[in-house]
Protein backbone atom coordinates (compact mmCIF):
# COMPACT_ATOMS: atom_id res chain seq x y z
CA MET A 1 -68.35 -161.83 28.03
CA SER A 2 -69.43 -165.17 29.40
CA GLU A 3 -67.25 -166.61 32.17
CA ALA A 4 -67.93 -170.09 30.77
CA ARG A 5 -66.44 -169.37 27.36
CA ARG A 6 -62.83 -170.19 26.61
CA ARG A 7 -60.59 -167.15 26.37
CA ALA A 8 -57.73 -166.58 23.95
CA VAL A 9 -55.15 -163.81 23.71
CA ILE A 10 -53.55 -163.38 20.27
CA THR A 11 -50.65 -160.97 19.85
CA GLY A 12 -50.69 -159.56 16.35
CA GLY A 13 -54.30 -160.69 16.16
CA GLY A 14 -55.70 -157.66 14.37
CA THR A 15 -54.40 -158.48 10.89
CA GLY A 16 -53.25 -161.32 8.65
CA ILE A 17 -52.80 -164.78 10.10
CA GLY A 18 -53.56 -163.60 13.64
CA LYS A 19 -56.90 -162.24 12.50
CA ALA A 20 -57.68 -165.51 10.70
CA ILE A 21 -56.94 -167.47 13.88
CA GLY A 22 -59.21 -165.19 15.89
CA ALA A 23 -62.04 -165.56 13.39
CA LEU A 24 -61.81 -169.34 13.38
CA ILE A 25 -61.76 -169.92 17.11
CA ALA A 26 -64.28 -167.15 17.82
CA ALA A 27 -66.65 -169.01 15.50
CA ASP A 28 -66.09 -172.02 17.78
CA GLY A 29 -67.31 -169.99 20.76
CA TRP A 30 -64.09 -168.54 22.16
CA ASP A 31 -63.75 -165.01 23.50
CA VAL A 32 -60.75 -163.58 21.64
CA LEU A 33 -58.61 -160.61 22.60
CA ALA A 34 -56.34 -159.42 19.79
CA VAL A 35 -53.44 -157.29 21.01
CA GLY A 36 -51.04 -155.23 18.91
CA LEU A 37 -50.43 -151.95 17.18
CA ALA A 38 -52.46 -152.60 14.02
CA ALA A 39 -55.93 -153.90 13.23
CA ASP A 40 -58.09 -154.04 10.14
CA GLU A 41 -61.14 -151.81 10.15
CA GLU A 42 -63.47 -154.79 10.53
CA LEU A 43 -62.75 -157.64 12.91
CA PRO A 44 -64.71 -160.89 13.13
CA PRO A 45 -67.56 -161.27 15.62
CA GLY A 46 -66.23 -162.38 19.00
CA VAL A 47 -62.83 -160.70 18.49
CA ARG A 48 -61.99 -157.63 20.56
CA PHE A 49 -58.93 -155.50 19.77
CA ALA A 50 -56.73 -153.76 22.33
CA ARG A 51 -54.04 -151.48 20.98
CA ALA A 52 -50.77 -152.06 22.84
CA ASP A 53 -47.06 -152.32 22.16
CA ILE A 54 -46.36 -155.98 22.93
CA THR A 55 -42.78 -155.15 23.92
CA ASP A 56 -44.19 -153.06 26.79
CA SER A 57 -45.20 -155.41 29.62
CA ALA A 58 -47.22 -152.72 31.40
CA ALA A 59 -49.19 -151.98 28.24
CA LEU A 60 -49.79 -155.67 27.64
CA ARG A 61 -50.95 -156.15 31.23
CA SER A 62 -53.36 -153.25 30.87
CA ALA A 63 -54.69 -154.64 27.59
CA VAL A 64 -55.41 -158.06 29.08
CA GLY A 65 -57.20 -156.40 31.95
CA ASP A 66 -58.84 -158.77 34.37
CA GLU A 67 -57.71 -161.90 36.18
CA ARG A 68 -59.91 -164.40 34.35
CA PRO A 69 -58.31 -167.64 33.12
CA VAL A 70 -56.72 -167.68 29.68
CA HIS A 71 -57.08 -170.92 27.74
CA ALA A 72 -54.81 -170.02 24.83
CA LEU A 73 -51.99 -167.59 24.16
CA VAL A 74 -51.01 -167.29 20.50
CA THR A 75 -47.90 -165.19 19.89
CA CYS A 76 -48.40 -164.27 16.27
CA ALA A 77 -46.90 -160.77 16.28
CA ALA A 78 -43.67 -160.43 14.31
CA VAL A 79 -41.65 -157.96 12.28
CA LEU A 80 -39.39 -158.42 9.24
CA ARG A 81 -36.86 -155.75 8.31
CA ASP A 82 -35.11 -157.56 5.43
CA ARG A 83 -31.48 -156.60 4.71
CA ALA A 84 -31.53 -153.87 7.38
CA GLU A 85 -31.32 -156.72 9.88
CA TRP A 86 -27.60 -157.02 9.22
CA GLU A 87 -27.30 -153.83 11.30
CA PRO A 88 -26.93 -154.90 14.96
CA ALA A 89 -29.47 -152.39 16.26
CA THR A 90 -32.12 -153.52 13.79
CA PHE A 91 -31.24 -157.16 14.44
CA SER A 92 -31.83 -156.63 18.16
CA SER A 93 -35.12 -154.83 17.58
CA VAL A 94 -36.42 -157.76 15.53
CA LEU A 95 -35.51 -160.23 18.26
CA GLU A 96 -37.20 -158.03 20.85
CA VAL A 97 -40.54 -158.22 19.03
CA ASN A 98 -40.32 -161.76 17.67
CA VAL A 99 -38.80 -163.59 20.65
CA THR A 100 -38.47 -161.52 23.82
CA ALA A 101 -42.05 -160.24 23.61
CA ALA A 102 -43.31 -163.81 23.13
CA LEU A 103 -41.51 -164.90 26.29
CA ALA A 104 -42.73 -161.82 28.20
CA ALA A 105 -46.36 -162.40 27.18
CA ALA A 106 -46.23 -166.00 28.34
CA GLU A 107 -44.64 -165.06 31.65
CA LEU A 108 -47.18 -162.31 32.22
CA LEU A 109 -50.09 -164.65 31.48
CA ARG A 110 -48.65 -167.73 33.13
CA PRO A 111 -50.98 -167.59 36.17
CA HIS A 112 -53.97 -167.05 33.86
CA LEU A 113 -52.90 -169.95 31.64
CA ALA A 114 -52.40 -172.18 34.66
CA ALA A 115 -55.88 -171.29 35.91
CA GLY A 116 -57.31 -172.28 32.54
CA ARG A 117 -54.99 -175.25 32.02
CA GLY A 118 -54.38 -173.58 28.71
CA SER A 119 -51.80 -173.72 25.97
CA ILE A 120 -49.30 -171.53 24.18
CA VAL A 121 -48.83 -171.54 20.43
CA ASN A 122 -45.75 -169.70 19.21
CA PHE A 123 -44.90 -168.86 15.62
CA ALA A 124 -41.74 -170.36 14.21
CA SER A 125 -41.05 -170.29 10.46
CA MET A 126 -39.45 -172.22 7.64
CA TRP A 127 -36.53 -169.89 8.39
CA SER A 128 -36.18 -171.74 11.69
CA TYR A 129 -34.65 -174.47 9.51
CA PHE A 130 -32.93 -172.55 6.71
CA GLY A 131 -30.48 -169.70 6.44
CA THR A 132 -31.30 -166.56 4.51
CA ALA A 133 -29.08 -163.86 3.06
CA ASN A 134 -31.86 -161.30 3.36
CA ALA A 135 -33.27 -161.42 6.89
CA PRO A 136 -30.81 -162.72 9.50
CA GLY A 137 -32.70 -161.20 12.43
CA TYR A 138 -35.99 -162.77 11.41
CA ALA A 139 -34.34 -166.15 10.84
CA ALA A 140 -32.48 -166.00 14.14
CA SER A 141 -35.66 -165.03 15.96
CA LYS A 142 -37.56 -167.95 14.51
CA GLY A 143 -34.77 -170.36 15.38
CA ALA A 144 -34.93 -169.00 18.91
CA ILE A 145 -38.70 -169.54 19.00
CA VAL A 146 -38.12 -173.26 18.50
CA ALA A 147 -35.82 -173.42 21.54
CA LEU A 148 -38.11 -171.15 23.57
CA THR A 149 -41.14 -173.31 22.83
CA ARG A 150 -39.36 -176.46 23.97
CA SER A 151 -38.19 -174.73 27.13
CA GLN A 152 -41.70 -173.48 27.86
CA ALA A 153 -43.09 -176.98 27.31
CA VAL A 154 -40.79 -178.29 30.04
CA ARG A 155 -41.13 -175.31 32.38
CA TYR A 156 -44.90 -174.89 32.21
CA ALA A 157 -45.88 -178.56 32.30
CA ALA A 158 -46.17 -178.51 36.08
CA ASP A 159 -48.86 -175.83 35.69
CA GLY A 160 -50.81 -178.00 33.26
CA VAL A 161 -49.91 -175.65 30.40
CA ARG A 162 -48.80 -176.94 27.01
CA ALA A 163 -46.51 -175.08 24.58
CA ASN A 164 -46.19 -175.82 20.88
CA ALA A 165 -45.28 -173.92 17.72
CA VAL A 166 -46.57 -173.77 14.19
CA VAL A 167 -44.02 -173.50 11.41
CA PRO A 168 -45.53 -171.72 8.41
CA GLY A 169 -43.94 -171.91 4.99
CA TRP A 170 -44.84 -169.63 2.10
CA ILE A 171 -48.17 -168.10 3.09
CA GLU A 172 -49.91 -165.42 1.01
CA THR A 173 -49.83 -162.53 3.47
CA PRO A 174 -48.65 -158.91 3.28
CA MET A 175 -45.31 -159.96 4.81
CA SER A 176 -44.55 -162.12 1.77
CA THR A 177 -45.67 -159.57 -0.85
CA ARG A 178 -42.15 -158.97 -2.22
CA ALA A 179 -41.61 -162.67 -2.88
CA GLN A 180 -45.07 -163.00 -4.41
CA GLU A 181 -44.43 -160.14 -6.83
CA ASP A 182 -40.93 -161.30 -7.88
CA GLN A 183 -41.84 -163.57 -10.80
CA GLY A 184 -38.55 -165.43 -10.89
CA ARG A 185 -38.50 -166.05 -7.16
CA ARG A 186 -42.17 -166.99 -7.11
CA ALA A 187 -41.63 -169.57 -9.86
CA ALA A 188 -38.73 -171.17 -7.96
CA ILE A 189 -40.78 -171.34 -4.77
CA ASP A 190 -43.79 -172.77 -6.58
CA ALA A 191 -41.65 -175.48 -8.13
CA ARG A 192 -40.38 -176.61 -4.73
CA ILE A 193 -43.71 -176.88 -2.87
CA PRO A 194 -44.90 -180.52 -3.16
CA LEU A 195 -48.57 -179.58 -2.71
CA GLY A 196 -48.19 -177.11 -5.57
CA ARG A 197 -49.60 -173.97 -3.95
CA TRP A 198 -48.83 -171.29 -1.40
CA GLY A 199 -50.68 -171.47 1.88
CA GLN A 200 -53.48 -169.19 3.00
CA ALA A 201 -53.92 -167.62 6.42
CA ASP A 202 -56.74 -170.09 7.13
CA ASP A 203 -54.36 -173.03 6.61
CA VAL A 204 -52.28 -171.81 9.53
CA ALA A 205 -55.36 -170.88 11.56
CA ARG A 206 -56.69 -174.43 11.36
CA ALA A 207 -53.39 -175.81 12.64
CA VAL A 208 -53.49 -173.40 15.58
CA ARG A 209 -57.10 -174.32 16.31
CA PHE A 210 -56.01 -177.96 16.59
CA LEU A 211 -53.10 -177.18 18.91
CA VAL A 212 -55.27 -175.21 21.35
CA SER A 213 -57.99 -177.85 21.33
CA GLU A 214 -58.53 -180.82 23.62
CA ASP A 215 -57.61 -183.06 20.67
CA ALA A 216 -54.02 -181.91 21.21
CA GLY A 217 -54.17 -182.43 24.97
CA TYR A 218 -51.16 -184.77 25.05
CA ILE A 219 -49.04 -182.73 22.64
CA THR A 220 -46.43 -180.32 23.99
CA GLY A 221 -43.05 -179.14 22.78
CA ALA A 222 -44.01 -179.98 19.20
CA LEU A 223 -43.41 -178.16 15.93
CA LEU A 224 -46.22 -178.41 13.37
CA ASN A 225 -45.10 -177.59 9.85
CA VAL A 226 -47.74 -175.79 7.76
CA ASP A 227 -45.79 -175.44 4.54
CA GLY A 228 -47.19 -177.74 1.86
CA GLY A 229 -44.10 -179.92 2.22
CA TYR A 230 -41.62 -177.14 1.38
CA SER A 231 -39.26 -177.97 4.23
CA ILE A 232 -38.87 -181.62 3.19
CA ALA A 233 -38.59 -181.10 -0.57
């Protein structure tokens, strides 16, 4: 890989939205390392996959490999366990993946990000704003991501590193399959979205591409809603 090319690390980058982000920025000339436990059979050109448990700092360190600068860290990896999250053990396991691993990845890569004067993009959610009867761990984790992102923005600024978060709404991904297939629920969701459609993975990917670009060079600690207006309707 060329030393001159910008380098991105995307947790959860082998599937879904993470894969879409990797494809988009790789097409812009980035070297992309996708890290996680799952990957589609075919990944976009310019995207390399390293299998690693992101809750294991040693495994993540091994996956990242060398000491080259990192210009973007995107913490896309997340789990959703639905009603099982009311069990404390499951609740804790969701927070470990969705929040603690995001913090650990940023701390691990902090010197690399500082060397590249890079940026972090975390994944919040519409459930950062709303309560849910079905997934308290997921909602709590995404609320925590908002606070973590703001703390990182303050903490990492001295290193020249920015930290922001995207806030997806209803996006057509495997994680939202149950809601998509529930006709009554789908109709209620559709009726509330001002733009009249669910988002696609590429909608979120384009927002991330902006946040890691020089065009966002004076933006840190921000939340960028990508929800078709759902959160304000």
